[in-house]
Amino acid sequence: MIPLAISLHVLSAVIWVGGMFFAYLVLRPIAAVQFEPPQRLTLWSNVFSKFFPWVWVSVVLLLGTGFWLIAHKFGGMKNVAAHIHIMMSVGIIMTLLFMHLFFAPRRKLTQAVIEHNWEEAGKHLAQIRMLIGINLILGLGVVVVATGGRYLFT
């Protein structure tokens, strides 16, 4: 079960962090120059409606496999190294930021797009962009800590 849990954990991180990386550094700059606000905001609303269910699955798997591995591979929190505490803490912060993003500005963006209120939609997209930027930086940091932490924090 441990290899399966580790594989699901890593795949979930790749989907979430990789999706943010693509959205923020590839899709966002292209959409900003190629589309007018109605098309751009509609695009983002639709992108989020397809991507965020995958993020929810990733969050559940990351937290579930992470806590399961702490219990079954390491024998509890008292036995895990500093880098795992860091990874877990930052992952929980990322999850809380995503939940806020999902339940507040994403919901408001979707509603504003339905109502063709492009100014309001733009404000919510800007907030989403900021939160995804923060989560992307945190996520990339977690990848560094997860892969090199045992060497960095010994």
C-alpha atoms as a PDB file:
ATOM      1  CA  MET A   1       0.000   0.000   0.000  1.00  0.00           C
ATOM      2  CA  ILE A   2       2.881   2.409   0.665  1.00  0.00           C
ATOM      3  CA  PRO A   3       4.025   2.513  -3.004  1.00  0.00           C
ATOM      4  CA  LEU A   4       0.421   3.169  -4.087  1.00  0.00           C
ATOM      5  CA  ALA A   5      -0.014   5.930  -1.495  1.00  0.00           C
ATOM      6  CA  ILE A   6       3.276   7.598  -2.504  1.00  0.00           C
ATOM      7  CA  SER A   7       2.355   7.366  -6.201  1.00  0.00           C
ATOM      8  CA  LEU A   8      -1.103   8.877  -5.652  1.00  0.00           C
ATOM      9  CA  HIS A   9       0.445  11.580  -3.466  1.00  0.00           C
ATOM     10  CA  VAL A  10       2.992  12.581  -6.106  1.00  0.00           C
ATOM     11  CA  LEU A  11       0.503  12.364  -8.999  1.00  0.00           C
ATOM     12  CA  SER A  12      -1.906  14.612  -7.111  1.00  0.00           C
ATOM     13  CA  ALA A  13       0.827  17.187  -6.516  1.00  0.00           C
ATOM     14  CA  VAL A  14       1.846  17.067 -10.180  1.00  0.00           C
ATOM     15  CA  ILE A  15      -1.744  17.635 -11.319  1.00  0.00           C
ATOM     16  CA  TRP A  16      -2.360  20.535  -8.934  1.00  0.00           C
ATOM     17  CA  VAL A  17       0.981  22.346  -9.133  1.00  0.00           C
ATOM     18  CA  GLY A  18       1.478  21.558 -12.815  1.00  0.00           C
ATOM     19  CA  GLY A  19      -1.998  22.841 -13.615  1.00  0.00           C
ATOM     20  CA  MET A  20      -1.319  26.086 -11.782  1.00  0.00           C
ATOM     21  CA  PHE A  21       2.032  26.457 -13.542  1.00  0.00           C
ATOM     22  CA  PHE A  22       0.411  25.976 -16.964  1.00  0.00           C
ATOM     23  CA  ALA A  23      -2.512  28.291 -16.187  1.00  0.00           C
ATOM     24  CA  TYR A  24      -0.396  31.072 -14.691  1.00  0.00           C
ATOM     25  CA  LEU A  25       2.671  31.064 -16.912  1.00  0.00           C
ATOM     26  CA  VAL A  26       1.320  29.794 -20.245  1.00  0.00           C
ATOM     27  CA  LEU A  27      -2.431  30.270 -20.648  1.00  0.00           C
ATOM     28  CA  ARG A  28      -2.793  33.567 -18.742  1.00  0.00           C
ATOM     29  CA  PRO A  29      -0.327  35.632 -20.812  1.00  0.00           C
ATOM     30  CA  ILE A  30      -1.725  34.315 -24.092  1.00  0.00           C
ATOM     31  CA  ALA A  31      -5.357  34.868 -23.082  1.00  0.00           C
ATOM     32  CA  ALA A  32      -4.523  38.406 -21.927  1.00  0.00           C
ATOM     33  CA  VAL A  33      -3.277  39.470 -25.357  1.00  0.00           C
ATOM     34  CA  GLN A  34      -5.522  37.409 -27.620  1.00  0.00           C
ATOM     35  CA  PHE A  35      -8.968  37.914 -26.097  1.00  0.00           C
ATOM     36  CA  GLU A  36     -11.154  40.832 -25.156  1.00  0.00           C
ATOM     37  CA  PRO A  37     -12.602  40.788 -21.610  1.00  0.00           C
ATOM     38  CA  PRO A  38     -15.860  38.951 -22.447  1.00  0.00           C
ATOM     39  CA  GLN A  39     -14.042  36.102 -24.202  1.00  0.00           C
ATOM     40  CA  ARG A  40     -11.124  36.029 -21.735  1.00  0.00           C
ATOM     41  CA  LEU A  41     -13.334  35.996 -18.638  1.00  0.00           C
ATOM     42  CA  THR A  42     -15.612  33.357 -20.140  1.00  0.00           C
ATOM     43  CA  LEU A  43     -12.553  31.270 -21.025  1.00  0.00           C
ATOM     44  CA  TRP A  44     -11.240  31.454 -17.448  1.00  0.00           C
ATOM     45  CA  SER A  45     -14.622  30.618 -15.957  1.00  0.00           C
ATOM     46  CA  ASN A  46     -14.787  27.545 -18.196  1.00  0.00           C
ATOM     47  CA  VAL A  47     -11.166  26.566 -17.521  1.00  0.00           C
ATOM     48  CA  PHE A  48     -11.757  26.720 -13.780  1.00  0.00           C
ATOM     49  CA  SER A  49     -14.944  24.642 -14.093  1.00  0.00           C
ATOM     50  CA  LYS A  50     -12.862  21.874 -15.703  1.00  0.00           C
ATOM     51  CA  PHE A  51      -9.662  22.214 -13.645  1.00  0.00           C
ATOM     52  CA  PHE A  52     -11.009  22.729 -10.135  1.00  0.00           C
ATOM     53  CA  PRO A  53     -12.718  19.302  -9.867  1.00  0.00           C
ATOM     54  CA  TRP A  54      -9.260  17.830 -10.502  1.00  0.00           C
ATOM     55  CA  VAL A  55      -7.846  20.082  -7.801  1.00  0.00           C
ATOM     56  CA  TRP A  56     -10.481  18.832  -5.347  1.00  0.00           C
ATOM     57  CA  VAL A  57      -9.529  15.219  -6.128  1.00  0.00           C
ATOM     58  CA  SER A  58      -5.862  16.161  -5.754  1.00  0.00           C
ATOM     59  CA  VAL A  59      -6.463  17.897  -2.402  1.00  0.00           C
ATOM     60  CA  VAL A  60      -8.362  14.922  -1.003  1.00  0.00           C
ATOM     61  CA  LEU A  61      -5.692  12.491  -2.214  1.00  0.00           C
ATOM     62  CA  LEU A  62      -2.800  14.658  -1.009  1.00  0.00           C
ATOM     63  CA  LEU A  63      -4.210  15.065   2.467  1.00  0.00           C
ATOM     64  CA  GLY A  64      -5.466  11.488   2.673  1.00  0.00           C
ATOM     65  CA  THR A  65      -2.294   9.841   1.442  1.00  0.00           C
ATOM     66  CA  GLY A  66      -0.110  12.275   3.372  1.00  0.00           C
ATOM     67  CA  PHE A  67      -1.731  11.554   6.720  1.00  0.00           C
ATOM     68  CA  TRP A  68      -1.945   7.842   5.903  1.00  0.00           C
ATOM     69  CA  LEU A  69       1.789   7.751   5.110  1.00  0.00           C
ATOM     70  CA  ILE A  70       2.615   9.621   8.319  1.00  0.00           C
ATOM     71  CA  ALA A  71       0.703   6.987  10.273  1.00  0.00           C
ATOM     72  CA  HIS A  72       1.726   3.855   8.356  1.00  0.00           C
ATOM     73  CA  LYS A  73       5.179   4.593   6.944  1.00  0.00           C
ATOM     74  CA  PHE A  74       6.578   6.782   9.705  1.00  0.00           C
ATOM     75  CA  GLY A  75       4.601   5.629  12.741  1.00  0.00           C
ATOM     76  CA  GLY A  76       3.090   9.014  13.572  1.00  0.00           C
ATOM     77  CA  MET A  77       3.911  12.708  13.689  1.00  0.00           C
ATOM     78  CA  LYS A  78       6.596  12.310  16.363  1.00  0.00           C
ATOM     79  CA  ASN A  79       8.699  10.275  13.935  1.00  0.00           C
ATOM     80  CA  VAL A  80       8.601  12.481  10.828  1.00  0.00           C
ATOM     81  CA  ALA A  81      11.457  14.716   9.774  1.00  0.00           C
ATOM     82  CA  ALA A  82      11.289  18.515   9.617  1.00  0.00           C
ATOM     83  CA  HIS A  83      10.784  18.559   5.850  1.00  0.00           C
ATOM     84  CA  ILE A  84       7.612  16.482   6.193  1.00  0.00           C
ATOM     85  CA  HIS A  85       6.247  18.871   8.821  1.00  0.00           C
ATOM     86  CA  ILE A  86       7.001  21.748   6.433  1.00  0.00           C
ATOM     87  CA  MET A  87       5.419  19.935   3.489  1.00  0.00           C
ATOM     88  CA  MET A  88       2.294  19.150   5.492  1.00  0.00           C
ATOM     89  CA  SER A  89       1.953  22.657   6.928  1.00  0.00           C
ATOM     90  CA  VAL A  90       2.369  24.380   3.572  1.00  0.00           C
ATOM     91  CA  GLY A  91       0.018  21.852   1.947  1.00  0.00           C
ATOM     92  CA  ILE A  92      -2.681  22.689   4.487  1.00  0.00           C
ATOM     93  CA  ILE A  93      -2.177  26.423   3.855  1.00  0.00           C
ATOM     94  CA  MET A  94      -2.442  25.785   0.105  1.00  0.00           C
ATOM     95  CA  THR A  95      -5.634  23.811   0.645  1.00  0.00           C
ATOM     96  CA  LEU A  96      -7.184  26.615   2.695  1.00  0.00           C
ATOM     97  CA  LEU A  97      -6.227  29.184   0.032  1.00  0.00           C
ATOM     98  CA  PHE A  98      -7.754  26.977  -2.667  1.00  0.00           C
ATOM     99  CA  MET A  99     -10.948  26.514  -0.668  1.00  0.00           C
ATOM    100  CA  HIS A 100     -11.279  30.280  -0.247  1.00  0.00           C
ATOM    101  CA  LEU A 101     -10.568  30.784  -3.949  1.00  0.00           C
ATOM    102  CA  PHE A 102     -13.141  28.157  -4.890  1.00  0.00           C
ATOM    103  CA  PHE A 103     -15.964  29.242  -2.601  1.00  0.00           C
ATOM    104  CA  ALA A 104     -15.558  33.025  -2.874  1.00  0.00           C
ATOM    105  CA  PRO A 105     -13.921  34.657  -5.936  1.00  0.00           C
ATOM    106  CA  ARG A 106     -14.456  31.674  -8.281  1.00  0.00           C
ATOM    107  CA  ARG A 107     -18.154  31.542  -7.451  1.00  0.00           C
ATOM    108  CA  LYS A 108     -18.440  35.313  -7.905  1.00  0.00           C
ATOM    109  CA  LEU A 109     -16.504  35.159 -11.202  1.00  0.00           C
ATOM    110  CA  THR A 110     -18.865  32.499 -12.522  1.00  0.00           C
ATOM    111  CA  GLN A 111     -21.915  34.538 -11.527  1.00  0.00           C
ATOM    112  CA  ALA A 112     -20.522  37.734 -13.034  1.00  0.00           C
ATOM    113  CA  VAL A 113     -19.775  35.937 -16.320  1.00  0.00           C
ATOM    114  CA  ILE A 114     -23.323  34.534 -16.427  1.00  0.00           C
ATOM    115  CA  GLU A 115     -24.630  38.080 -15.887  1.00  0.00           C
ATOM    116  CA  HIS A 116     -22.164  39.535 -18.449  1.00  0.00           C
ATOM    117  CA  ASN A 117     -20.863  41.869 -15.752  1.00  0.00           C
ATOM    118  CA  TRP A 118     -17.335  42.022 -17.171  1.00  0.00           C
ATOM    119  CA  GLU A 119     -16.011  44.663 -14.776  1.00  0.00           C
ATOM    120  CA  GLU A 120     -17.045  42.640 -11.741  1.00  0.00           C
ATOM    121  CA  ALA A 121     -15.781  39.418 -13.332  1.00  0.00           C
ATOM    122  CA  GLY A 122     -12.422  41.085 -13.957  1.00  0.00           C
ATOM    123  CA  LYS A 123     -12.099  42.010 -10.277  1.00  0.00           C
ATOM    124  CA  HIS A 124     -12.738  38.430  -9.211  1.00  0.00           C
ATOM    125  CA  LEU A 125     -10.353  37.052 -11.823  1.00  0.00           C
ATOM    126  CA  ALA A 126      -7.641  39.379 -10.505  1.00  0.00           C
ATOM    127  CA  GLN A 127      -8.190  37.995  -7.003  1.00  0.00           C
ATOM    128  CA  ILE A 128      -8.078  34.429  -8.321  1.00  0.00           C
ATOM    129  CA  ARG A 129      -4.868  35.213 -10.222  1.00  0.00           C
ATOM    130  CA  MET A 130      -3.249  36.520  -7.027  1.00  0.00           C
ATOM    131  CA  LEU A 131      -4.298  33.465  -5.000  1.00  0.00           C
ATOM    132  CA  ILE A 132      -3.145  31.052  -7.696  1.00  0.00           C
ATOM    133  CA  GLY A 133       0.163  32.929  -7.898  1.00  0.00           C
ATOM    134  CA  ILE A 134       0.648  32.531  -4.152  1.00  0.00           C
ATOM    135  CA  ASN A 135      -0.339  28.870  -4.266  1.00  0.00           C
ATOM    136  CA  LEU A 136       1.959  28.270  -7.222  1.00  0.00           C
ATOM    137  CA  ILE A 137       4.940  29.688  -5.326  1.00  0.00           C
ATOM    138  CA  LEU A 138       4.004  27.636  -2.250  1.00  0.00           C
ATOM    139  CA  GLY A 139       3.478  24.528  -4.378  1.00  0.00           C
ATOM    140  CA  LEU A 140       6.837  24.849  -6.113  1.00  0.00           C
ATOM    141  CA  GLY A 141       8.425  25.334  -2.706  1.00  0.00           C
ATOM    142  CA  VAL A 142       6.741  22.170  -1.433  1.00  0.00           C
ATOM    143  CA  VAL A 143       8.113  20.251  -4.417  1.00  0.00           C
ATOM    144  CA  VAL A 144      11.620  21.421  -3.500  1.00  0.00           C
ATOM    145  CA  VAL A 145      11.114  20.515   0.160  1.00  0.00           C
ATOM    146  CA  ALA A 146       9.523  17.151  -0.725  1.00  0.00           C
ATOM    147  CA  THR A 147      12.308  16.119  -3.076  1.00  0.00           C
ATOM    148  CA  GLY A 148      15.345  17.649  -1.402  1.00  0.00           C
ATOM    149  CA  GLY A 149      14.157  18.150   2.150  1.00  0.00           C
ATOM    150  CA  ARG A 150      15.808  15.115   3.641  1.00  0.00           C
ATOM    151  CA  TYR A 151      19.134  16.490   2.379  1.00  0.00           C
ATOM    152  CA  LEU A 152      18.412  20.146   3.166  1.00  0.00           C
ATOM    153  CA  PHE A 153      17.094  19.679   6.710  1.00  0.00           C
ATOM    154  CA  THR A 154      19.426  17.080   8.201  1.00  0.00           C
END
